[in-house]
Amino acid sequence: MLRKSLLAATIASLSCAVAATVALATPSARSQHQTMSKAFTVAADANCAALGGLIAPLGNPTTLPGIAHKLAIVVPAFTMALRAQGELVTFDAPAGKETLVEQWMSAMSHYGQKLAAIRAAAAAGKGDAVTKANAQLTTIGGQAAATSKRLGLHVCFQS
């Protein structure tokens, strides 16, 4: 008899524990999502800050050879930063924002491609092509900034 009442008490306490877990699941899941989203924004902004720190000392050259030289450093660094963002997206992207994250990654990829085009045009001495590609880069950067803000980022594509 003692065994049956101990078993009944264990089942009853287990049922209460399960009910409590279910009752707490929604706030906990929400908290976990917010934590994951916060972790994503912190890590993404850290990647962008690291890239910015690397690029900042290069200045803003105005000659085509200077632009080509700067972009010879910037394009590979940007590509590595983009790869880091891609890994971040793969493992830590906030749930429910997949489409927005995809747009963000697309904008950054497009931005990197345009940087490479400017580098090639500058290296070839084609000033008009640099000017045209730079105008396109400004537009792409604006779109990337808007997407970054929607994701809650504070560093990536922000000025």
C-alpha atoms as a PDB file:
ATOM      1  CA  MET A   1       0.000   0.000   0.000  1.00  0.00           C
ATOM      2  CA  LEU A   2       2.828   2.380   0.852  1.00  0.00           C
ATOM      3  CA  ARG A   3       4.377   1.691  -2.510  1.00  0.00           C
ATOM      4  CA  LYS A   4       1.125   2.565  -4.335  1.00  0.00           C
ATOM      5  CA  SER A   5       0.749   5.883  -2.458  1.00  0.00           C
ATOM      6  CA  LEU A   6       4.399   6.766  -3.110  1.00  0.00           C
ATOM      7  CA  LEU A   7       3.883   6.021  -6.797  1.00  0.00           C
ATOM      8  CA  ALA A   8       0.677   8.102  -6.837  1.00  0.00           C
ATOM      9  CA  ALA A   9       2.465  11.004  -5.107  1.00  0.00           C
ATOM     10  CA  THR A  10       5.363  10.811  -7.579  1.00  0.00           C
ATOM     11  CA  ILE A  11       2.967  10.819 -10.540  1.00  0.00           C
ATOM     12  CA  ALA A  12       1.051  13.750  -9.053  1.00  0.00           C
ATOM     13  CA  SER A  13       4.228  15.786  -8.480  1.00  0.00           C
ATOM     14  CA  LEU A  14       5.484  14.886 -11.952  1.00  0.00           C
ATOM     15  CA  SER A  15       2.153  16.021 -13.444  1.00  0.00           C
ATOM     16  CA  CYS A  16       2.470  19.342 -11.587  1.00  0.00           C
ATOM     17  CA  ALA A  17       6.028  19.749 -12.842  1.00  0.00           C
ATOM     18  CA  VAL A  18       4.943  19.075 -16.437  1.00  0.00           C
ATOM     19  CA  ALA A  19       2.049  21.512 -16.119  1.00  0.00           C
ATOM     20  CA  ALA A  20       4.390  24.167 -14.718  1.00  0.00           C
ATOM     21  CA  THR A  21       6.854  23.577 -17.558  1.00  0.00           C
ATOM     22  CA  VAL A  22       4.122  23.920 -20.166  1.00  0.00           C
ATOM     23  CA  ALA A  23       2.809  27.068 -18.496  1.00  0.00           C
ATOM     24  CA  LEU A  24       6.297  28.603 -18.570  1.00  0.00           C
ATOM     25  CA  ALA A  25       7.166  27.465 -22.096  1.00  0.00           C
ATOM     26  CA  THR A  26       5.780  30.494 -23.914  1.00  0.00           C
ATOM     27  CA  PRO A  27       7.617  33.186 -21.903  1.00  0.00           C
ATOM     28  CA  SER A  28      10.764  31.057 -21.892  1.00  0.00           C
ATOM     29  CA  ALA A  29      10.621  30.556 -25.660  1.00  0.00           C
ATOM     30  CA  ARG A  30      10.076  34.282 -26.110  1.00  0.00           C
ATOM     31  CA  SER A  31      13.011  35.039 -23.842  1.00  0.00           C
ATOM     32  CA  GLN A  32      15.174  32.536 -25.696  1.00  0.00           C
ATOM     33  CA  HIS A  33      14.218  34.141 -29.029  1.00  0.00           C
ATOM     34  CA  GLN A  34      15.072  37.598 -27.678  1.00  0.00           C
ATOM     35  CA  THR A  35      18.376  36.293 -26.338  1.00  0.00           C
ATOM     36  CA  MET A  36      19.181  34.631 -29.658  1.00  0.00           C
ATOM     37  CA  SER A  37      18.184  37.766 -31.554  1.00  0.00           C
ATOM     38  CA  LYS A  38      20.327  39.893 -29.229  1.00  0.00           C
ATOM     39  CA  ALA A  39      23.258  37.498 -29.633  1.00  0.00           C
ATOM     40  CA  PHE A  40      22.872  37.732 -33.409  1.00  0.00           C
ATOM     41  CA  THR A  41      22.885  41.541 -33.440  1.00  0.00           C
ATOM     42  CA  VAL A  42      25.832  41.759 -31.057  1.00  0.00           C
ATOM     43  CA  ALA A  43      27.877  39.277 -33.115  1.00  0.00           C
ATOM     44  CA  ALA A  44      26.920  40.842 -36.459  1.00  0.00           C
ATOM     45  CA  ASP A  45      27.771  44.322 -35.219  1.00  0.00           C
ATOM     46  CA  ALA A  46      31.077  43.009 -33.827  1.00  0.00           C
ATOM     47  CA  ASN A  47      31.954  41.598 -37.265  1.00  0.00           C
ATOM     48  CA  CYS A  48      31.163  44.946 -38.875  1.00  0.00           C
ATOM     49  CA  ALA A  49      33.120  46.871 -36.238  1.00  0.00           C
ATOM     50  CA  ALA A  50      36.170  44.653 -36.788  1.00  0.00           C
ATOM     51  CA  LEU A  51      35.982  45.283 -40.530  1.00  0.00           C
ATOM     52  CA  GLY A  52      35.569  49.019 -39.952  1.00  0.00           C
ATOM     53  CA  GLY A  53      38.606  49.045 -37.669  1.00  0.00           C
ATOM     54  CA  LEU A  54      40.673  47.373 -40.357  1.00  0.00           C
ATOM     55  CA  ILE A  55      39.511  49.711 -43.122  1.00  0.00           C
ATOM     56  CA  ALA A  56      39.537  53.039 -41.252  1.00  0.00           C
ATOM     57  CA  PRO A  57      43.320  53.574 -41.353  1.00  0.00           C
ATOM     58  CA  LEU A  58      43.286  53.242 -45.142  1.00  0.00           C
ATOM     59  CA  GLY A  59      41.661  56.674 -45.456  1.00  0.00           C
ATOM     60  CA  ASN A  60      39.787  57.936 -48.510  1.00  0.00           C
ATOM     61  CA  PRO A  61      42.136  58.107 -51.471  1.00  0.00           C
ATOM     62  CA  THR A  62      41.081  60.273 -54.398  1.00  0.00           C
ATOM     63  CA  THR A  63      43.412  59.032 -57.139  1.00  0.00           C
ATOM     64  CA  LEU A  64      42.603  55.934 -59.167  1.00  0.00           C
ATOM     65  CA  PRO A  65      45.815  54.147 -58.106  1.00  0.00           C
ATOM     66  CA  GLY A  66      45.085  55.024 -54.459  1.00  0.00           C
ATOM     67  CA  ILE A  67      41.511  53.754 -54.760  1.00  0.00           C
ATOM     68  CA  ALA A  68      42.719  50.550 -56.441  1.00  0.00           C
ATOM     69  CA  HIS A  69      45.299  50.030 -53.672  1.00  0.00           C
ATOM     70  CA  LYS A  70      42.779  50.602 -50.886  1.00  0.00           C
ATOM     71  CA  LEU A  71      40.246  48.277 -52.483  1.00  0.00           C
ATOM     72  CA  ALA A  72      42.946  45.627 -52.995  1.00  0.00           C
ATOM     73  CA  ILE A  73      42.907  45.422 -49.187  1.00  0.00           C
ATOM     74  CA  VAL A  74      39.212  46.158 -48.597  1.00  0.00           C
ATOM     75  CA  VAL A  75      37.688  43.624 -51.012  1.00  0.00           C
ATOM     76  CA  PRO A  76      39.356  40.537 -49.468  1.00  0.00           C
ATOM     77  CA  ALA A  77      38.662  41.859 -45.951  1.00  0.00           C
ATOM     78  CA  PHE A  78      35.030  42.496 -46.866  1.00  0.00           C
ATOM     79  CA  THR A  79      34.795  38.997 -48.357  1.00  0.00           C
ATOM     80  CA  MET A  80      36.109  37.483 -45.108  1.00  0.00           C
ATOM     81  CA  ALA A  81      33.664  39.584 -43.063  1.00  0.00           C
ATOM     82  CA  LEU A  82      30.827  38.521 -45.345  1.00  0.00           C
ATOM     83  CA  ARG A  83      31.814  34.898 -44.809  1.00  0.00           C
ATOM     84  CA  ALA A  84      31.728  35.470 -41.033  1.00  0.00           C
ATOM     85  CA  GLN A  85      28.268  37.015 -41.345  1.00  0.00           C
ATOM     86  CA  GLY A  86      27.164  34.029 -43.431  1.00  0.00           C
ATOM     87  CA  GLU A  87      28.292  31.639 -40.687  1.00  0.00           C
ATOM     88  CA  LEU A  88      26.485  33.762 -38.141  1.00  0.00           C
ATOM     89  CA  VAL A  89      23.308  33.643 -40.218  1.00  0.00           C
ATOM     90  CA  THR A  90      23.613  29.879 -40.585  1.00  0.00           C
ATOM     91  CA  PHE A  91      23.886  29.241 -36.849  1.00  0.00           C
ATOM     92  CA  ASP A  92      22.372  32.229 -35.039  1.00  0.00           C
ATOM     93  CA  ALA A  93      19.833  33.968 -37.276  1.00  0.00           C
ATOM     94  CA  PRO A  94      16.818  35.158 -35.302  1.00  0.00           C
ATOM     95  CA  ALA A  95      13.720  33.031 -35.823  1.00  0.00           C
ATOM     96  CA  GLY A  96      10.976  34.677 -37.830  1.00  0.00           C
ATOM     97  CA  LYS A  97      13.384  37.018 -39.605  1.00  0.00           C
ATOM     98  CA  GLU A  98      14.719  34.604 -42.208  1.00  0.00           C
ATOM     99  CA  THR A  99      13.500  36.674 -45.176  1.00  0.00           C
ATOM    100  CA  LEU A 100      14.933  39.862 -43.751  1.00  0.00           C
ATOM    101  CA  VAL A 101      18.260  38.161 -42.997  1.00  0.00           C
ATOM    102  CA  GLU A 102      18.314  36.806 -46.550  1.00  0.00           C
ATOM    103  CA  GLN A 103      17.777  40.334 -47.915  1.00  0.00           C
ATOM    104  CA  TRP A 104      20.547  41.597 -45.644  1.00  0.00           C
ATOM    105  CA  MET A 105      23.004  38.948 -46.858  1.00  0.00           C
ATOM    106  CA  SER A 106      22.030  39.637 -50.466  1.00  0.00           C
ATOM    107  CA  ALA A 107      22.626  43.372 -50.019  1.00  0.00           C
ATOM    108  CA  MET A 108      26.038  42.723 -48.484  1.00  0.00           C
ATOM    109  CA  SER A 109      26.972  40.314 -51.284  1.00  0.00           C
ATOM    110  CA  HIS A 110      25.900  42.848 -53.885  1.00  0.00           C
ATOM    111  CA  TYR A 111      27.894  45.544 -52.050  1.00  0.00           C
ATOM    112  CA  GLY A 112      31.009  43.338 -52.122  1.00  0.00           C
ATOM    113  CA  GLN A 113      30.576  42.686 -55.840  1.00  0.00           C
ATOM    114  CA  LYS A 114      30.303  46.407 -56.505  1.00  0.00           C
ATOM    115  CA  LEU A 115      33.449  47.059 -54.443  1.00  0.00           C
ATOM    116  CA  ALA A 116      35.284  44.543 -56.626  1.00  0.00           C
ATOM    117  CA  ALA A 117      33.971  46.283 -59.766  1.00  0.00           C
ATOM    118  CA  ILE A 118      35.229  49.644 -58.487  1.00  0.00           C
ATOM    119  CA  ARG A 119      38.607  48.100 -57.710  1.00  0.00           C
ATOM    120  CA  ALA A 120      38.884  46.667 -61.232  1.00  0.00           C
ATOM    121  CA  ALA A 121      37.818  49.967 -62.830  1.00  0.00           C
ATOM    122  CA  ALA A 122      40.261  51.953 -60.690  1.00  0.00           C
ATOM    123  CA  ALA A 123      43.107  49.556 -61.467  1.00  0.00           C
ATOM    124  CA  ALA A 124      42.314  49.904 -65.189  1.00  0.00           C
ATOM    125  CA  GLY A 125      42.317  53.705 -64.898  1.00  0.00           C
ATOM    126  CA  LYS A 126      38.639  54.035 -65.843  1.00  0.00           C
ATOM    127  CA  GLY A 127      37.499  57.051 -63.812  1.00  0.00           C
ATOM    128  CA  ASP A 128      34.014  57.207 -65.353  1.00  0.00           C
ATOM    129  CA  ALA A 129      33.382  53.549 -64.502  1.00  0.00           C
ATOM    130  CA  VAL A 130      34.567  54.188 -60.923  1.00  0.00           C
ATOM    131  CA  THR A 131      32.197  57.139 -60.596  1.00  0.00           C
ATOM    132  CA  LYS A 132      29.254  55.163 -61.972  1.00  0.00           C
ATOM    133  CA  ALA A 133      29.953  52.108 -59.809  1.00  0.00           C
ATOM    134  CA  ASN A 134      30.453  54.307 -56.743  1.00  0.00           C
ATOM    135  CA  ALA A 135      27.001  55.849 -57.263  1.00  0.00           C
ATOM    136  CA  GLN A 136      25.527  52.346 -57.453  1.00  0.00           C
ATOM    137  CA  LEU A 137      27.488  51.398 -54.336  1.00  0.00           C
ATOM    138  CA  THR A 138      25.915  54.315 -52.482  1.00  0.00           C
ATOM    139  CA  THR A 139      22.433  53.080 -53.414  1.00  0.00           C
ATOM    140  CA  ILE A 140      23.239  49.504 -52.387  1.00  0.00           C
ATOM    141  CA  GLY A 141      24.739  50.753 -49.132  1.00  0.00           C
ATOM    142  CA  GLY A 142      21.556  52.701 -48.390  1.00  0.00           C
ATOM    143  CA  GLN A 143      19.446  49.603 -48.932  1.00  0.00           C
ATOM    144  CA  ALA A 144      21.800  47.546 -46.767  1.00  0.00           C
ATOM    145  CA  ALA A 145      21.614  50.203 -44.028  1.00  0.00           C
ATOM    146  CA  ALA A 146      17.815  50.111 -44.046  1.00  0.00           C
ATOM    147  CA  THR A 147      17.838  46.317 -43.790  1.00  0.00           C
ATOM    148  CA  SER A 148      20.451  46.447 -41.027  1.00  0.00           C
ATOM    149  CA  LYS A 149      18.281  48.829 -39.022  1.00  0.00           C
ATOM    150  CA  ARG A 150      15.279  46.540 -39.419  1.00  0.00           C
ATOM    151  CA  LEU A 151      17.392  43.729 -37.954  1.00  0.00           C
ATOM    152  CA  GLY A 152      18.298  45.928 -34.996  1.00  0.00           C
ATOM    153  CA  LEU A 153      21.945  46.365 -35.945  1.00  0.00           C
ATOM    154  CA  HIS A 154      23.806  49.479 -34.841  1.00  0.00           C
ATOM    155  CA  VAL A 155      27.160  49.196 -36.659  1.00  0.00           C
ATOM    156  CA  CYS A 156      26.652  47.388 -39.985  1.00  0.00           C
ATOM    157  CA  PHE A 157      26.188  49.959 -42.751  1.00  0.00           C
ATOM    158  CA  GLN A 158      25.457  52.675 -40.216  1.00  0.00           C
ATOM    159  CA  SER A 159      27.293  55.964 -40.228  1.00  0.00           C
END
